[in-house]
Every structure is written in C-alpha cells, then in structure tokens.
Amino acid sequence: MYLCPENQLLKFKIMAVLKKILKSKPIGKVTFSYSGEAENVAIVGDFNGWDVEASPLKKGKDGVFKITLDLATGGEYE
C-alpha cells in the first residue's frame, strides 16, 4: 500500500481488517487504518482507479485514520 502526501508515493504499513461479508451481495466490508504522523491520508488501488481523491481516510479522535470500503469478494486488488 502507498501513502500519497504532496503528490509523493511513500510506502507505509497499513492494516486491513475484513469486517463482514454480506449475505445479500458478494461484497466484503474492509476497514483500512493508518496510525502515524500525517495531515491527510488516502488509499489508492485498482479498486478506485488509482484516484487519490476517491478514498480519503478520516482521522478519528484517537488520531487513527480509517475508512471502510465495500469490495467484491473473491477478487484480488493492487
């Protein structure tokens, strides 16, 4: 995974936790989180067209940035 501050790509450690697979749809709810020093964090990949503005993480009161995405089950993502 990559962090993209100020148009730079930096490798960083991110945690992805599969929260839930929906029974009604072939979707998994995946939560990505990042704890570290940053003003803005976004996750990019083939699932959002590598668009840095498509999936910004929100900073919680605990200082951890998080986002939950719906991703198709059975897929592989970059």
PDB file of N, CA and C in Angstrom:
ATOM      1  N   MET A   1       0.842  -1.173   0.000  1.00  0.00           N
ATOM      2  CA  MET A   1       0.000   0.000   0.000  1.00  0.00           C
ATOM      3  C   MET A   1       0.887   1.236   0.000  1.00  0.00           C
ATOM      4  N   TYR A   2       0.306   2.349  -0.403  1.00  0.00           N
ATOM      5  CA  TYR A   2       1.087   3.574  -0.502  1.00  0.00           C
ATOM      6  C   TYR A   2       0.333   4.765   0.068  1.00  0.00           C
ATOM      7  N   LEU A   3       1.069   5.630   0.674  1.00  0.00           N
ATOM      8  CA  LEU A   3       0.563   6.900   1.184  1.00  0.00           C
ATOM      9  C   LEU A   3       0.927   7.941   0.150  1.00  0.00           C
ATOM     10  N   CYS A   4       0.056   8.871  -0.111  1.00  0.00           N
ATOM     11  CA  CYS A   4       0.327   9.817  -1.184  1.00  0.00           C
ATOM     12  C   CYS A   4       0.197  11.259  -0.701  1.00  0.00           C
ATOM     13  N   PRO A   5       1.128  11.748   0.129  1.00  0.00           N
ATOM     14  CA  PRO A   5       1.075  13.148   0.533  1.00  0.00           C
ATOM     15  C   PRO A   5       1.836  14.021  -0.447  1.00  0.00           C
ATOM     16  N   GLU A   6       1.304  15.186  -0.735  1.00  0.00           N
ATOM     17  CA  GLU A   6       2.021  16.148  -1.582  1.00  0.00           C
ATOM     18  C   GLU A   6       2.497  15.533  -2.896  1.00  0.00           C
ATOM     19  N   ASN A   7       1.674  14.698  -3.524  1.00  0.00           N
ATOM     20  CA  ASN A   7       1.993  14.063  -4.807  1.00  0.00           C
ATOM     21  C   ASN A   7       3.215  13.159  -4.756  1.00  0.00           C
ATOM     22  N   GLN A   8       3.565  12.643  -3.595  1.00  0.00           N
ATOM     23  CA  GLN A   8       4.661  11.691  -3.463  1.00  0.00           C
ATOM     24  C   GLN A   8       4.082  10.350  -3.037  1.00  0.00           C
ATOM     25  N   LEU A   9       4.650   9.288  -3.555  1.00  0.00           N
ATOM     26  CA  LEU A   9       4.231   7.957  -3.132  1.00  0.00           C
ATOM     27  C   LEU A   9       5.232   7.440  -2.106  1.00  0.00           C
ATOM     28  N   LEU A  10       4.741   7.111  -0.948  1.00  0.00           N
ATOM     29  CA  LEU A  10       5.590   6.591   0.114  1.00  0.00           C
ATOM     30  C   LEU A  10       5.007   5.280   0.603  1.00  0.00           C
ATOM     31  N   LYS A  11       5.844   4.290   0.752  1.00  0.00           N
ATOM     32  CA  LYS A  11       5.384   3.015   1.273  1.00  0.00           C
ATOM     33  C   LYS A  11       5.136   3.163   2.769  1.00  0.00           C
ATOM     34  N   PHE A  12       4.036   2.619   3.251  1.00  0.00           N
ATOM     35  CA  PHE A  12       3.780   2.649   4.685  1.00  0.00           C
ATOM     36  C   PHE A  12       3.000   1.422   5.090  1.00  0.00           C
ATOM     37  N   LYS A  13       3.029   1.148   6.341  1.00  0.00           N
ATOM     38  CA  LYS A  13       2.338  -0.015   6.864  1.00  0.00           C
ATOM     39  C   LYS A  13       0.875   0.331   7.097  1.00  0.00           C
ATOM     40  N   ILE A  14       0.008  -0.467   6.555  1.00  0.00           N
ATOM     41  CA  ILE A  14      -1.426  -0.263   6.724  1.00  0.00           C
ATOM     42  C   ILE A  14      -2.041  -1.584   7.158  1.00  0.00           C
ATOM     43  N   MET A  15      -3.099  -1.506   7.886  1.00  0.00           N
ATOM     44  CA  MET A  15      -3.763  -2.703   8.331  1.00  0.00           C
ATOM     45  C   MET A  15      -5.121  -2.776   7.655  1.00  0.00           C
ATOM     46  N   ALA A  16      -5.433  -3.910   7.090  1.00  0.00           N
ATOM     47  CA  ALA A  16      -6.753  -4.128   6.504  1.00  0.00           C
ATOM     48  C   ALA A  16      -7.445  -5.220   7.302  1.00  0.00           C
ATOM     49  N   VAL A  17      -8.649  -4.946   7.720  1.00  0.00           N
ATOM     50  CA  VAL A  17      -9.395  -5.901   8.518  1.00  0.00           C
ATOM     51  C   VAL A  17     -10.719  -6.166   7.827  1.00  0.00           C
ATOM     52  N   LEU A  18     -10.942  -7.403   7.440  1.00  0.00           N
ATOM     53  CA  LEU A  18     -12.234  -7.759   6.862  1.00  0.00           C
ATOM     54  C   LEU A  18     -13.255  -7.762   7.979  1.00  0.00           C
ATOM     55  N   LYS A  19     -14.216  -6.871   7.868  1.00  0.00           N
ATOM     56  CA  LYS A  19     -15.196  -6.738   8.934  1.00  0.00           C
ATOM     57  C   LYS A  19     -16.367  -7.702   8.753  1.00  0.00           C
ATOM     58  N   LYS A  20     -16.823  -7.830   7.491  1.00  0.00           N
ATOM     59  CA  LYS A  20     -18.070  -8.551   7.310  1.00  0.00           C
ATOM     60  C   LYS A  20     -18.259  -8.891   5.840  1.00  0.00           C
ATOM     61  N   ILE A  21     -18.733 -10.089   5.569  1.00  0.00           N
ATOM     62  CA  ILE A  21     -19.138 -10.451   4.208  1.00  0.00           C
ATOM     63  C   ILE A  21     -20.661 -10.455   4.197  1.00  0.00           C
ATOM     64  N   LEU A  22     -21.220  -9.697   3.281  1.00  0.00           N
ATOM     65  CA  LEU A  22     -22.675  -9.593   3.213  1.00  0.00           C
ATOM     66  C   LEU A  22     -23.288 -10.844   2.599  1.00  0.00           C
ATOM     67  N   LYS A  23     -24.382 -11.300   3.163  1.00  0.00           N
ATOM     68  CA  LYS A  23     -25.076 -12.478   2.630  1.00  0.00           C
ATOM     69  C   LYS A  23     -25.911 -12.131   1.407  1.00  0.00           C
ATOM     70  N   SER A  24     -26.402 -10.898   1.358  1.00  0.00           N
ATOM     71  CA  SER A  24     -27.292 -10.495   0.270  1.00  0.00           C
ATOM     72  C   SER A  24     -26.548 -10.094  -0.998  1.00  0.00           C
ATOM     73  N   LYS A  25     -25.255  -9.804  -0.895  1.00  0.00           N
ATOM     74  CA  LYS A  25     -24.450  -9.373  -2.039  1.00  0.00           C
ATOM     75  C   LYS A  25     -23.060  -9.989  -1.928  1.00  0.00           C
ATOM     76  N   PRO A  26     -22.361 -10.146  -3.055  1.00  0.00           N
ATOM     77  CA  PRO A  26     -20.985 -10.660  -2.992  1.00  0.00           C
ATOM     78  C   PRO A  26     -19.991  -9.548  -2.647  1.00  0.00           C
ATOM     79  N   ILE A  27     -20.188  -8.962  -1.477  1.00  0.00           N
ATOM     80  CA  ILE A  27     -19.397  -7.801  -1.044  1.00  0.00           C
ATOM     81  C   ILE A  27     -18.787  -8.084   0.326  1.00  0.00           C
ATOM     82  N   GLY A  28     -17.554  -7.623   0.498  1.00  0.00           N
ATOM     83  CA  GLY A  28     -16.917  -7.651   1.804  1.00  0.00           C
ATOM     84  C   GLY A  28     -16.668  -6.222   2.256  1.00  0.00           C
ATOM     85  N   LYS A  29     -16.931  -5.934   3.496  1.00  0.00           N
ATOM     86  CA  LYS A  29     -16.640  -4.614   4.055  1.00  0.00           C
ATOM     87  C   LYS A  29     -15.245  -4.687   4.664  1.00  0.00           C
ATOM     88  N   VAL A  30     -14.317  -3.909   4.108  1.00  0.00           N
ATOM     89  CA  VAL A  30     -12.921  -3.952   4.532  1.00  0.00           C
ATOM     90  C   VAL A  30     -12.540  -2.605   5.130  1.00  0.00           C
ATOM     91  N   THR A  31     -11.989  -2.638   6.333  1.00  0.00           N
ATOM     92  CA  THR A  31     -11.564  -1.420   7.002  1.00  0.00           C
ATOM     93  C   THR A  31     -10.047  -1.294   6.897  1.00  0.00           C
ATOM     94  N   PHE A  32      -9.611  -0.131   6.415  1.00  0.00           N
ATOM     95  CA  PHE A  32      -8.195   0.200   6.332  1.00  0.00           C
ATOM     96  C   PHE A  32      -7.917   1.260   7.383  1.00  0.00           C
ATOM     97  N   SER A  33      -6.804   1.126   8.086  1.00  0.00           N
ATOM     98  CA  SER A  33      -6.458   2.127   9.080  1.00  0.00           C
ATOM     99  C   SER A  33      -4.973   2.430   9.010  1.00  0.00           C
ATOM    100  N   TYR A  34      -4.634   3.655   9.428  1.00  0.00           N
ATOM    101  CA  TYR A  34      -3.248   4.105   9.450  1.00  0.00           C
ATOM    102  C   TYR A  34      -3.041   4.958  10.686  1.00  0.00           C
ATOM    103  N   SER A  35      -2.028   4.610  11.465  1.00  0.00           N
ATOM    104  CA  SER A  35      -1.690   5.445  12.615  1.00  0.00           C
ATOM    105  C   SER A  35      -0.255   5.912  12.426  1.00  0.00           C
ATOM    106  N   GLY A  36      -0.102   7.177  12.299  1.00  0.00           N
ATOM    107  CA  GLY A  36       1.206   7.782  12.085  1.00  0.00           C
ATOM    108  C   GLY A  36       1.013   9.267  11.860  1.00  0.00           C
ATOM    109  N   GLU A  37       2.114   9.951  11.708  1.00  0.00           N
ATOM    110  CA  GLU A  37       2.030  11.392  11.510  1.00  0.00           C
ATOM    111  C   GLU A  37       1.678  11.700  10.068  1.00  0.00           C
ATOM    112  N   ALA A  38       0.584  12.398   9.871  1.00  0.00           N
ATOM    113  CA  ALA A  38       0.137  12.814   8.543  1.00  0.00           C
ATOM    114  C   ALA A  38      -0.976  13.830   8.704  1.00  0.00           C
ATOM    115  N   GLU A  39      -1.112  14.683   7.721  1.00  0.00           N
ATOM    116  CA  GLU A  39      -2.237  15.618   7.714  1.00  0.00           C
ATOM    117  C   GLU A  39      -3.416  15.017   6.969  1.00  0.00           C
ATOM    118  N   ASN A  40      -3.129  14.338   5.859  1.00  0.00           N
ATOM    119  CA  ASN A  40      -4.156  13.702   5.038  1.00  0.00           C
ATOM    120  C   ASN A  40      -3.653  12.331   4.619  1.00  0.00           C
ATOM    121  N   VAL A  41      -4.560  11.372   4.579  1.00  0.00           N
ATOM    122  CA  VAL A  41      -4.220  10.021   4.149  1.00  0.00           C
ATOM    123  C   VAL A  41      -5.302   9.556   3.183  1.00  0.00           C
ATOM    124  N   ALA A  42      -4.883   8.908   2.102  1.00  0.00           N
ATOM    125  CA  ALA A  42      -5.828   8.329   1.150  1.00  0.00           C
ATOM    126  C   ALA A  42      -5.315   6.959   0.758  1.00  0.00           C
ATOM    127  N   ILE A  43      -6.233   6.067   0.457  1.00  0.00           N
ATOM    128  CA  ILE A  43      -5.830   4.759  -0.041  1.00  0.00           C
ATOM    129  C   ILE A  43      -6.167   4.725  -1.529  1.00  0.00           C
ATOM    130  N   VAL A  44      -5.219   4.246  -2.308  1.00  0.00           N
ATOM    131  CA  VAL A  44      -5.425   4.157  -3.748  1.00  0.00           C
ATOM    132  C   VAL A  44      -5.135   2.732  -4.197  1.00  0.00           C
ATOM    133  N   GLY A  45      -5.805   2.329  -5.248  1.00  0.00           N
ATOM    134  CA  GLY A  45      -5.609   1.000  -5.801  1.00  0.00           C
ATOM    135  C   GLY A  45      -6.460   0.824  -7.037  1.00  0.00           C
ATOM    136  N   ASP A  46      -6.381  -0.362  -7.607  1.00  0.00           N
ATOM    137  CA  ASP A  46      -7.168  -0.602  -8.807  1.00  0.00           C
ATOM    138  C   ASP A  46      -8.672  -0.597  -8.522  1.00  0.00           C
ATOM    139  N   PHE A  47      -9.056  -0.774  -7.255  1.00  0.00           N
ATOM    140  CA  PHE A  47     -10.472  -0.761  -6.877  1.00  0.00           C
ATOM    141  C   PHE A  47     -11.098   0.629  -6.938  1.00  0.00           C
ATOM    142  N   ASN A  48     -10.262   1.687  -6.981  1.00  0.00           N
ATOM    143  CA  ASN A  48     -10.814   3.045  -7.100  1.00  0.00           C
ATOM    144  C   ASN A  48     -10.135   3.840  -8.220  1.00  0.00           C
ATOM    145  N   GLY A  49      -9.584   3.118  -9.191  1.00  0.00           N
ATOM    146  CA  GLY A  49      -8.990   3.775 -10.355  1.00  0.00           C
ATOM    147  C   GLY A  49      -7.721   4.547 -10.029  1.00  0.00           C
ATOM    148  N   TRP A  50      -7.047   4.189  -8.927  1.00  0.00           N
ATOM    149  CA  TRP A  50      -5.814   4.864  -8.500  1.00  0.00           C
ATOM    150  C   TRP A  50      -6.026   6.360  -8.288  1.00  0.00           C
ATOM    151  N   ASP A  51      -7.248   6.732  -7.936  1.00  0.00           N
ATOM    152  CA  ASP A  51      -7.617   8.135  -7.734  1.00  0.00           C
ATOM    153  C   ASP A  51      -7.365   8.527  -6.277  1.00  0.00           C
ATOM    154  N   VAL A  52      -6.400   9.406  -6.057  1.00  0.00           N
ATOM    155  CA  VAL A  52      -6.006   9.798  -4.697  1.00  0.00           C
ATOM    156  C   VAL A  52      -7.128  10.531  -3.956  1.00  0.00           C
ATOM    157  N   GLU A  53      -8.098  11.063  -4.673  1.00  0.00           N
ATOM    158  CA  GLU A  53      -9.201  11.781  -4.034  1.00  0.00           C
ATOM    159  C   GLU A  53     -10.433  10.900  -3.812  1.00  0.00           C
ATOM    160  N   ALA A  54     -10.403   9.676  -4.302  1.00  0.00           N
ATOM    161  CA  ALA A  54     -11.586   8.818  -4.241  1.00  0.00           C
ATOM    162  C   ALA A  54     -11.838   8.210  -2.858  1.00  0.00           C
ATOM    163  N   SER A  55     -10.776   7.918  -2.106  1.00  0.00           N
ATOM    164  CA  SER A  55     -10.937   7.207  -0.834  1.00  0.00           C
ATOM    165  C   SER A  55     -10.071   7.806   0.274  1.00  0.00           C
ATOM    166  N   PRO A  56     -10.404   9.025   0.709  1.00  0.00           N
ATOM    167  CA  PRO A  56      -9.636   9.609   1.814  1.00  0.00           C
ATOM    168  C   PRO A  56     -10.018   8.947   3.135  1.00  0.00           C
ATOM    169  N   LEU A  57      -9.046   8.716   3.984  1.00  0.00           N
ATOM    170  CA  LEU A  57      -9.305   8.192   5.312  1.00  0.00           C
ATOM    171  C   LEU A  57      -9.645   9.360   6.230  1.00  0.00           C
ATOM    172  N   LYS A  58     -10.526   9.106   7.178  1.00  0.00           N
ATOM    173  CA  LYS A  58     -10.919  10.155   8.124  1.00  0.00           C
ATOM    174  C   LYS A  58     -10.196   9.932   9.445  1.00  0.00           C
ATOM    175  N   LYS A  59      -9.700  11.023  10.004  1.00  0.00           N
ATOM    176  CA  LYS A  59      -8.970  10.947  11.261  1.00  0.00           C
ATOM    177  C   LYS A  59      -9.943  10.949  12.433  1.00  0.00           C
ATOM    178  N   GLY A  60      -9.829   9.935  13.277  1.00  0.00           N
ATOM    179  CA  GLY A  60     -10.681   9.826  14.453  1.00  0.00           C
ATOM    180  C   GLY A  60     -10.118  10.587  15.636  1.00  0.00           C
ATOM    181  N   LYS A  61     -10.885  10.641  16.702  1.00  0.00           N
ATOM    182  CA  LYS A  61     -10.452  11.325  17.922  1.00  0.00           C
ATOM    183  C   LYS A  61      -9.193  10.705  18.509  1.00  0.00           C
ATOM    184  N   ASP A  62      -8.975   9.423  18.208  1.00  0.00           N
ATOM    185  CA  ASP A  62      -7.795   8.726  18.714  1.00  0.00           C
ATOM    186  C   ASP A  62      -6.557   8.964  17.836  1.00  0.00           C
ATOM    187  N   GLY A  63      -6.718   9.756  16.773  1.00  0.00           N
ATOM    188  CA  GLY A  63      -5.602  10.071  15.893  1.00  0.00           C
ATOM    189  C   GLY A  63      -5.359   9.060  14.791  1.00  0.00           C
ATOM    190  N   VAL A  64      -6.179   8.007  14.733  1.00  0.00           N
ATOM    191  CA  VAL A  64      -6.035   6.968  13.715  1.00  0.00           C
ATOM    192  C   VAL A  64      -6.924   7.305  12.513  1.00  0.00           C
ATOM    193  N   PHE A  65      -6.345   7.215  11.324  1.00  0.00           N
ATOM    194  CA  PHE A  65      -7.085   7.427  10.090  1.00  0.00           C
ATOM    195  C   PHE A  65      -7.741   6.107   9.691  1.00  0.00           C
ATOM    196  N   LYS A  66      -9.035   6.148   9.290  1.00  0.00           N
ATOM    197  CA  LYS A  66      -9.755   4.924   8.921  1.00  0.00           C
ATOM    198  C   LYS A  66     -10.719   5.172   7.769  1.00  0.00           C
ATOM    199  N   ILE A  67     -10.962   4.089   7.032  1.00  0.00           N
ATOM    200  CA  ILE A  67     -12.017   4.075   6.022  1.00  0.00           C
ATOM    201  C   ILE A  67     -12.488   2.635   5.876  1.00  0.00           C
ATOM    202  N   THR A  68     -13.779   2.451   5.629  1.00  0.00           N
ATOM    203  CA  THR A  68     -14.335   1.135   5.336  1.00  0.00           C
ATOM    204  C   THR A  68     -14.847   1.159   3.907  1.00  0.00           C
ATOM    205  N   LEU A  69     -14.358   0.209   3.111  1.00  0.00           N
ATOM    206  CA  LEU A  69     -14.732   0.121   1.705  1.00  0.00           C
ATOM    207  C   LEU A  69     -15.491  -1.173   1.446  1.00  0.00           C
ATOM    208  N   ASP A  70     -16.409  -1.122   0.489  1.00  0.00           N
ATOM    209  CA  ASP A  70     -17.097  -2.317   0.022  1.00  0.00           C
ATOM    210  C   ASP A  70     -16.327  -2.849  -1.181  1.00  0.00           C
ATOM    211  N   LEU A  71     -15.768  -4.059  -1.037  1.00  0.00           N
ATOM    212  CA  LEU A  71     -15.007  -4.671  -2.122  1.00  0.00           C
ATOM    213  C   LEU A  71     -15.634  -6.013  -2.480  1.00  0.00           C
ATOM    214  N   ALA A  72     -15.625  -6.324  -3.758  1.00  0.00           N
ATOM    215  CA  ALA A  72     -16.199  -7.593  -4.220  1.00  0.00           C
ATOM    216  C   ALA A  72     -15.419  -8.762  -3.632  1.00  0.00           C
ATOM    217  N   THR A  73     -16.141  -9.767  -3.158  1.00  0.00           N
ATOM    218  CA  THR A  73     -15.477 -10.941  -2.617  1.00  0.00           C
ATOM    219  C   THR A  73     -14.870 -11.767  -3.741  1.00  0.00           C
ATOM    220  N   GLY A  74     -13.825 -12.488  -3.422  1.00  0.00           N
ATOM    221  CA  GLY A  74     -13.176 -13.353  -4.404  1.00  0.00           C
ATOM    222  C   GLY A  74     -12.224 -12.622  -5.330  1.00  0.00           C
ATOM    223  N   GLY A  75     -12.069 -11.314  -5.159  1.00  0.00           N
ATOM    224  CA  GLY A  75     -11.191 -10.539  -6.025  1.00  0.00           C
ATOM    225  C   GLY A  75      -9.812 -10.360  -5.424  1.00  0.00           C
ATOM    226  N   GLU A  76      -8.883 -10.012  -6.269  1.00  0.00           N
ATOM    227  CA  GLU A  76      -7.536  -9.624  -5.828  1.00  0.00           C
ATOM    228  C   GLU A  76      -7.338  -8.181  -6.223  1.00  0.00           C
ATOM    229  N   TYR A  77      -6.741  -7.409  -5.330  1.00  0.00           N
ATOM    230  CA  TYR A  77      -6.618  -5.981  -5.553  1.00  0.00           C
ATOM    231  C   TYR A  77      -5.177  -5.535  -5.386  1.00  0.00           C
ATOM    232  N   GLU A  78      -4.794  -4.536  -6.168  1.00  0.00           N
ATOM    233  CA  GLU A  78      -3.476  -3.922  -6.045  1.00  0.00           C
ATOM    234  C   GLU A  78      -3.636  -2.538  -5.468  1.00  0.00           C
TER     235      GLU A  78
END
